[in-house]
Amino acid sequence: MMINCAGFLDRSRVNGPGERTVLWVQGCPLRCPGCFNQPLWSFKKNHLVSVEDIAARIISIPGIDGVTFSGGEPFCQALPLAELGTIICDEGLSVVTFSGFSADTLLCSRRKPWKALLRVTDLLVAGPYLQEFFPGTSFCGSSNQKLVHLSTRIPPESLRDKNERNVEFTIGIGGEITTTGFPKKSFFHGERGCT
């Protein structure tokens, strides 16, 4: 089974609790105005990778707490991500899944692939990005989005003091820069004192 991958980051501290690997998938039908990841909207083939290969890469990274699925829209590739999530969970790691679909839409759905991805997801961050509800918590782009605990692997109390919004810049060995996280509004609007 293949995943249409848009990006991969070995380590992040702003895409869920703890230190996490982040996998961004390509393609999103929701196209929320103001979305930070607009280049990931298209369903074009980006970088196709097998579940087995990406699982091996994630498992080989020492000291991580889990993996975060983001995008794009992970539920558009629910089946391969569910398979990957099963492998990740079997290794004792946690899974965070970001989605632009509402929690109600996902949790009430009868779609088997969606149910499979939800079964391996420990923390669901759900809801469309609404720029008029900016900012959300440290893990939500806008305040309408919900954090839904689907297992005890990531306890709610571990997120209690996570209202600080952060952004991360990672420089790869080839010089490429990955910007991720949820910056403060001033990051985008150039308020005084911000660079």
C-alpha atoms as a PDB file:
ATOM      1  CA  MET A   1       0.000   0.000   0.000  1.00  0.00           C
ATOM      2  CA  MET A   2       1.377   3.442  -0.951  1.00  0.00           C
ATOM      3  CA  ILE A   3       1.119   6.868   0.683  1.00  0.00           C
ATOM      4  CA  ASN A   4       1.242  10.039  -1.418  1.00  0.00           C
ATOM      5  CA  CYS A   5       3.656  11.909   0.828  1.00  0.00           C
ATOM      6  CA  ALA A   6       4.097  15.685   0.690  1.00  0.00           C
ATOM      7  CA  GLY A   7       6.658  16.041   3.459  1.00  0.00           C
ATOM      8  CA  PHE A   8       8.446  14.311   6.280  1.00  0.00           C
ATOM      9  CA  LEU A   9      10.160  15.664   9.370  1.00  0.00           C
ATOM     10  CA  ASP A  10      12.167  13.367  11.646  1.00  0.00           C
ATOM     11  CA  ARG A  11      11.571  15.414  14.793  1.00  0.00           C
ATOM     12  CA  SER A  12       9.158  18.139  15.842  1.00  0.00           C
ATOM     13  CA  ARG A  13       7.963  19.536  19.156  1.00  0.00           C
ATOM     14  CA  VAL A  14       5.117  21.676  17.770  1.00  0.00           C
ATOM     15  CA  ASN A  15       2.971  19.095  15.940  1.00  0.00           C
ATOM     16  CA  GLY A  16       1.544  17.295  18.956  1.00  0.00           C
ATOM     17  CA  PRO A  17       2.680  16.424  22.454  1.00  0.00           C
ATOM     18  CA  GLY A  18       6.277  15.391  23.004  1.00  0.00           C
ATOM     19  CA  GLU A  19       8.829  14.840  20.278  1.00  0.00           C
ATOM     20  CA  ARG A  20       7.198  13.503  17.144  1.00  0.00           C
ATOM     21  CA  THR A  21       7.904  12.523  13.587  1.00  0.00           C
ATOM     22  CA  VAL A  22       5.571  14.353  11.189  1.00  0.00           C
ATOM     23  CA  LEU A  23       4.208  12.954   7.928  1.00  0.00           C
ATOM     24  CA  TRP A  24       2.360  15.371   5.653  1.00  0.00           C
ATOM     25  CA  VAL A  25       0.172  13.794   2.976  1.00  0.00           C
ATOM     26  CA  GLN A  26      -0.633  15.309  -0.408  1.00  0.00           C
ATOM     27  CA  GLY A  27      -4.202  16.287  -1.279  1.00  0.00           C
ATOM     28  CA  CYS A  28      -7.075  18.044   0.461  1.00  0.00           C
ATOM     29  CA  PRO A  29     -10.597  18.663  -0.870  1.00  0.00           C
ATOM     30  CA  LEU A  30     -11.517  21.214   1.848  1.00  0.00           C
ATOM     31  CA  ARG A  31      -9.345  24.135   0.689  1.00  0.00           C
ATOM     32  CA  CYS A  32      -9.889  26.283   3.771  1.00  0.00           C
ATOM     33  CA  PRO A  33      -9.275  29.995   3.022  1.00  0.00           C
ATOM     34  CA  GLY A  34      -6.040  31.129   4.662  1.00  0.00           C
ATOM     35  CA  CYS A  35      -4.700  27.561   5.007  1.00  0.00           C
ATOM     36  CA  PHE A  36      -0.997  27.440   5.890  1.00  0.00           C
ATOM     37  CA  ASN A  37      -0.486  24.370   3.649  1.00  0.00           C
ATOM     38  CA  GLN A  38      -2.090  25.413   0.350  1.00  0.00           C
ATOM     39  CA  PRO A  39       0.624  23.686  -1.758  1.00  0.00           C
ATOM     40  CA  LEU A  40      -0.686  20.392  -0.311  1.00  0.00           C
ATOM     41  CA  TRP A  41      -4.250  20.843  -1.648  1.00  0.00           C
ATOM     42  CA  SER A  42      -3.599  19.254  -5.056  1.00  0.00           C
ATOM     43  CA  PHE A  43      -4.029  15.484  -5.363  1.00  0.00           C
ATOM     44  CA  LYS A  44      -1.099  15.263  -7.809  1.00  0.00           C
ATOM     45  CA  LYS A  45       1.407  12.494  -7.224  1.00  0.00           C
ATOM     46  CA  ASN A  46       4.143  13.944  -5.072  1.00  0.00           C
ATOM     47  CA  HIS A  47       6.340  11.310  -3.442  1.00  0.00           C
ATOM     48  CA  LEU A  48       4.831   7.827  -3.334  1.00  0.00           C
ATOM     49  CA  VAL A  49       6.220   5.750  -0.494  1.00  0.00           C
ATOM     50  CA  SER A  50       5.227   2.319   0.748  1.00  0.00           C
ATOM     51  CA  VAL A  51       3.753   1.868   4.219  1.00  0.00           C
ATOM     52  CA  GLU A  52       6.548  -0.585   5.049  1.00  0.00           C
ATOM     53  CA  ASP A  53       9.324   1.823   4.017  1.00  0.00           C
ATOM     54  CA  ILE A  54       7.930   4.818   5.911  1.00  0.00           C
ATOM     55  CA  ALA A  55       7.221   2.647   8.971  1.00  0.00           C
ATOM     56  CA  ALA A  56      10.815   1.404   8.996  1.00  0.00           C
ATOM     57  CA  ARG A  57      12.094   4.964   8.747  1.00  0.00           C
ATOM     58  CA  ILE A  58       9.889   6.178  11.618  1.00  0.00           C
ATOM     59  CA  ILE A  59      10.718   3.242  13.882  1.00  0.00           C
ATOM     60  CA  SER A  60      14.450   3.797  13.324  1.00  0.00           C
ATOM     61  CA  ILE A  61      14.281   7.325  14.819  1.00  0.00           C
ATOM     62  CA  PRO A  62      15.354   7.058  18.468  1.00  0.00           C
ATOM     63  CA  GLY A  63      13.608   8.861  21.313  1.00  0.00           C
ATOM     64  CA  ILE A  64      10.392   9.947  19.617  1.00  0.00           C
ATOM     65  CA  ASP A  65       7.015   9.747  21.359  1.00  0.00           C
ATOM     66  CA  GLY A  66       5.062   9.052  18.193  1.00  0.00           C
ATOM     67  CA  VAL A  67       4.036  10.227  14.756  1.00  0.00           C
ATOM     68  CA  THR A  68       1.732  12.991  13.582  1.00  0.00           C
ATOM     69  CA  PHE A  69      -0.281  12.691  10.362  1.00  0.00           C
ATOM     70  CA  SER A  70      -1.014  16.057   8.777  1.00  0.00           C
ATOM     71  CA  GLY A  71      -1.567  17.401   5.335  1.00  0.00           C
ATOM     72  CA  GLY A  72      -3.258  17.876   3.095  1.00  0.00           C
ATOM     73  CA  GLU A  73      -6.061  15.758   4.510  1.00  0.00           C
ATOM     74  CA  PRO A  74      -5.039  12.475   6.152  1.00  0.00           C
ATOM     75  CA  PHE A  75      -8.544  11.008   5.892  1.00  0.00           C
ATOM     76  CA  CYS A  76      -8.210  11.115   2.092  1.00  0.00           C
ATOM     77  CA  GLN A  77      -5.485   8.466   2.541  1.00  0.00           C
ATOM     78  CA  ALA A  78      -7.074   6.798   5.543  1.00  0.00           C
ATOM     79  CA  LEU A  79      -6.412   3.164   4.620  1.00  0.00           C
ATOM     80  CA  PRO A  80      -2.618   3.321   4.175  1.00  0.00           C
ATOM     81  CA  LEU A  81      -2.312   5.659   7.168  1.00  0.00           C
ATOM     82  CA  ALA A  82      -4.357   3.226   9.279  1.00  0.00           C
ATOM     83  CA  GLU A  83      -1.963   0.451   8.269  1.00  0.00           C
ATOM     84  CA  LEU A  84       1.017   2.665   9.130  1.00  0.00           C
ATOM     85  CA  GLY A  85      -0.619   3.683  12.415  1.00  0.00           C
ATOM     86  CA  THR A  86      -1.095   0.042  13.381  1.00  0.00           C
ATOM     87  CA  ILE A  87       2.641  -0.590  12.951  1.00  0.00           C
ATOM     88  CA  ILE A  88       3.471   2.578  14.909  1.00  0.00           C
ATOM     89  CA  CYS A  89       1.138   1.639  17.785  1.00  0.00           C
ATOM     90  CA  ASP A  90       2.556  -1.895  17.882  1.00  0.00           C
ATOM     91  CA  GLU A  91       5.961  -0.269  18.527  1.00  0.00           C
ATOM     92  CA  GLY A  92       4.533   1.542  21.572  1.00  0.00           C
ATOM     93  CA  LEU A  93       4.382   4.953  19.889  1.00  0.00           C
ATOM     94  CA  SER A  94       1.388   7.278  19.733  1.00  0.00           C
ATOM     95  CA  VAL A  95      -0.480   8.658  16.723  1.00  0.00           C
ATOM     96  CA  VAL A  96      -1.842  12.191  16.360  1.00  0.00           C
ATOM     97  CA  THR A  97      -4.019  12.869  13.310  1.00  0.00           C
ATOM     98  CA  PHE A  98      -4.920  16.358  12.106  1.00  0.00           C
ATOM     99  CA  SER A  99      -8.055  16.712   9.976  1.00  0.00           C
ATOM    100  CA  GLY A 100     -10.039  19.541   8.456  1.00  0.00           C
ATOM    101  CA  PHE A 101     -13.210  17.491   8.792  1.00  0.00           C
ATOM    102  CA  SER A 102     -15.224  18.129  11.943  1.00  0.00           C
ATOM    103  CA  ALA A 103     -14.980  15.645  14.795  1.00  0.00           C
ATOM    104  CA  ASP A 104     -18.689  14.827  14.403  1.00  0.00           C
ATOM    105  CA  THR A 105     -18.282  14.107  10.685  1.00  0.00           C
ATOM    106  CA  LEU A 106     -15.378  11.758  11.350  1.00  0.00           C
ATOM    107  CA  LEU A 107     -16.711  10.014  14.438  1.00  0.00           C
ATOM    108  CA  CYS A 108     -20.200   9.453  12.979  1.00  0.00           C
ATOM    109  CA  SER A 109     -18.979   8.288   9.583  1.00  0.00           C
ATOM    110  CA  ARG A 110     -19.613   4.752   8.404  1.00  0.00           C
ATOM    111  CA  ARG A 111     -16.645   4.830   6.027  1.00  0.00           C
ATOM    112  CA  LYS A 112     -14.507   1.819   6.890  1.00  0.00           C
ATOM    113  CA  PRO A 113     -11.179   3.492   5.992  1.00  0.00           C
ATOM    114  CA  TRP A 114     -12.000   6.440   8.255  1.00  0.00           C
ATOM    115  CA  LYS A 115     -12.962   4.111  11.103  1.00  0.00           C
ATOM    116  CA  ALA A 116      -9.695   2.221  10.633  1.00  0.00           C
ATOM    117  CA  LEU A 117      -7.645   5.429  10.907  1.00  0.00           C
ATOM    118  CA  LEU A 118      -9.627   6.564  13.952  1.00  0.00           C
ATOM    119  CA  ARG A 119      -8.931   3.198  15.657  1.00  0.00           C
ATOM    120  CA  VAL A 120      -5.160   3.832  15.570  1.00  0.00           C
ATOM    121  CA  THR A 121      -5.383   7.553  16.351  1.00  0.00           C
ATOM    122  CA  ASP A 122      -4.701   8.486  19.964  1.00  0.00           C
ATOM    123  CA  LEU A 123      -5.341  12.226  19.601  1.00  0.00           C
ATOM    124  CA  LEU A 124      -7.523  13.693  16.853  1.00  0.00           C
ATOM    125  CA  VAL A 125      -7.246  17.399  16.041  1.00  0.00           C
ATOM    126  CA  ALA A 126     -10.409  18.037  14.030  1.00  0.00           C
ATOM    127  CA  GLY A 127     -12.216  20.863  12.316  1.00  0.00           C
ATOM    128  CA  PRO A 128     -11.725  23.158   9.347  1.00  0.00           C
ATOM    129  CA  TYR A 129      -9.283  26.041   9.606  1.00  0.00           C
ATOM    130  CA  LEU A 130     -11.370  29.205   9.988  1.00  0.00           C
ATOM    131  CA  GLN A 131      -9.203  32.301   9.810  1.00  0.00           C
ATOM    132  CA  GLU A 132     -11.827  34.384  11.639  1.00  0.00           C
ATOM    133  CA  PHE A 133     -11.331  32.062  14.661  1.00  0.00           C
ATOM    134  CA  PHE A 134      -7.552  32.450  14.696  1.00  0.00           C
ATOM    135  CA  PRO A 135      -5.755  31.723  17.027  1.00  0.00           C
ATOM    136  CA  GLY A 136      -6.405  28.344  18.554  1.00  0.00           C
ATOM    137  CA  THR A 137      -4.350  26.474  21.136  1.00  0.00           C
ATOM    138  CA  SER A 138      -0.789  25.390  20.461  1.00  0.00           C
ATOM    139  CA  PHE A 139      -2.057  22.410  18.446  1.00  0.00           C
ATOM    140  CA  CYS A 140      -5.024  24.086  16.714  1.00  0.00           C
ATOM    141  CA  GLY A 141      -4.793  26.547  13.855  1.00  0.00           C
ATOM    142  CA  SER A 142      -8.122  28.139  14.767  1.00  0.00           C
ATOM    143  CA  SER A 143     -10.129  28.115  17.972  1.00  0.00           C
ATOM    144  CA  ASN A 144     -13.088  26.192  16.466  1.00  0.00           C
ATOM    145  CA  GLN A 145     -10.924  23.072  16.101  1.00  0.00           C
ATOM    146  CA  LYS A 146     -11.229  20.343  18.731  1.00  0.00           C
ATOM    147  CA  LEU A 147      -8.767  18.059  20.456  1.00  0.00           C
ATOM    148  CA  VAL A 148     -10.427  14.633  20.779  1.00  0.00           C
ATOM    149  CA  HIS A 149      -8.747  11.945  22.880  1.00  0.00           C
ATOM    150  CA  LEU A 150      -9.437   8.527  21.373  1.00  0.00           C
ATOM    151  CA  SER A 151      -7.212   6.469  23.679  1.00  0.00           C
ATOM    152  CA  THR A 152      -5.361   6.740  26.965  1.00  0.00           C
ATOM    153  CA  ARG A 153      -1.950   6.718  25.264  1.00  0.00           C
ATOM    154  CA  ILE A 154      -1.954  10.554  25.264  1.00  0.00           C
ATOM    155  CA  PRO A 155      -3.713  11.574  28.481  1.00  0.00           C
ATOM    156  CA  PRO A 156      -5.710  14.844  28.491  1.00  0.00           C
ATOM    157  CA  GLU A 157      -3.635  16.192  31.381  1.00  0.00           C
ATOM    158  CA  SER A 158      -0.539  16.081  29.157  1.00  0.00           C
ATOM    159  CA  LEU A 159      -2.100  18.914  27.116  1.00  0.00           C
ATOM    160  CA  ARG A 160      -3.338  21.014  30.024  1.00  0.00           C
ATOM    161  CA  ASP A 161      -0.748  23.793  29.699  1.00  0.00           C
ATOM    162  CA  LYS A 162      -0.337  23.729  25.931  1.00  0.00           C
ATOM    163  CA  ASN A 163      -1.853  27.117  25.041  1.00  0.00           C
ATOM    164  CA  GLU A 164       1.442  28.621  23.914  1.00  0.00           C
ATOM    165  CA  ARG A 165       1.655  28.861  20.131  1.00  0.00           C
ATOM    166  CA  ASN A 166       4.989  27.962  18.572  1.00  0.00           C
ATOM    167  CA  VAL A 167       6.595  27.751  15.193  1.00  0.00           C
ATOM    168  CA  GLU A 168       9.605  25.631  14.286  1.00  0.00           C
ATOM    169  CA  PHE A 169      12.203  26.101  11.561  1.00  0.00           C
ATOM    170  CA  THR A 170      14.215  23.053  10.532  1.00  0.00           C
ATOM    171  CA  ILE A 171      17.157  23.283   8.138  1.00  0.00           C
ATOM    172  CA  GLY A 172      17.840  20.076   6.223  1.00  0.00           C
ATOM    173  CA  ILE A 173      21.271  18.873   5.154  1.00  0.00           C
ATOM    174  CA  GLY A 174      20.559  20.162   1.635  1.00  0.00           C
ATOM    175  CA  GLY A 175      19.755  23.643   2.963  1.00  0.00           C
ATOM    176  CA  GLU A 176      15.968  23.315   2.587  1.00  0.00           C
ATOM    177  CA  ILE A 177      13.964  25.014   5.345  1.00  0.00           C
ATOM    178  CA  THR A 178      10.807  23.469   6.787  1.00  0.00           C
ATOM    179  CA  THR A 179       8.499  25.828   8.689  1.00  0.00           C
ATOM    180  CA  THR A 180       5.902  24.121  10.836  1.00  0.00           C
ATOM    181  CA  GLY A 181       3.701  24.709  13.850  1.00  0.00           C
ATOM    182  CA  PHE A 182       1.124  27.336  14.668  1.00  0.00           C
ATOM    183  CA  PRO A 183       2.601  30.817  14.714  1.00  0.00           C
ATOM    184  CA  LYS A 184       1.050  33.782  16.480  1.00  0.00           C
ATOM    185  CA  LYS A 185      -1.038  36.056  14.283  1.00  0.00           C
ATOM    186  CA  SER A 186       1.675  38.718  14.524  1.00  0.00           C
ATOM    187  CA  PHE A 187       3.976  36.306  12.635  1.00  0.00           C
ATOM    188  CA  PHE A 188       1.818  36.847   9.544  1.00  0.00           C
ATOM    189  CA  HIS A 189       0.901  40.494  10.021  1.00  0.00           C
ATOM    190  CA  GLY A 190       4.274  42.003  10.923  1.00  0.00           C
ATOM    191  CA  GLU A 191       3.345  43.655  14.203  1.00  0.00           C
ATOM    192  CA  ARG A 192       6.113  45.693  15.841  1.00  0.00           C
ATOM    193  CA  GLY A 193       8.713  43.673  17.629  1.00  0.00           C
ATOM    194  CA  CYS A 194       8.291  40.630  15.402  1.00  0.00           C
ATOM    195  CA  THR A 195      10.709  39.581  12.717  1.00  0.00           C
END
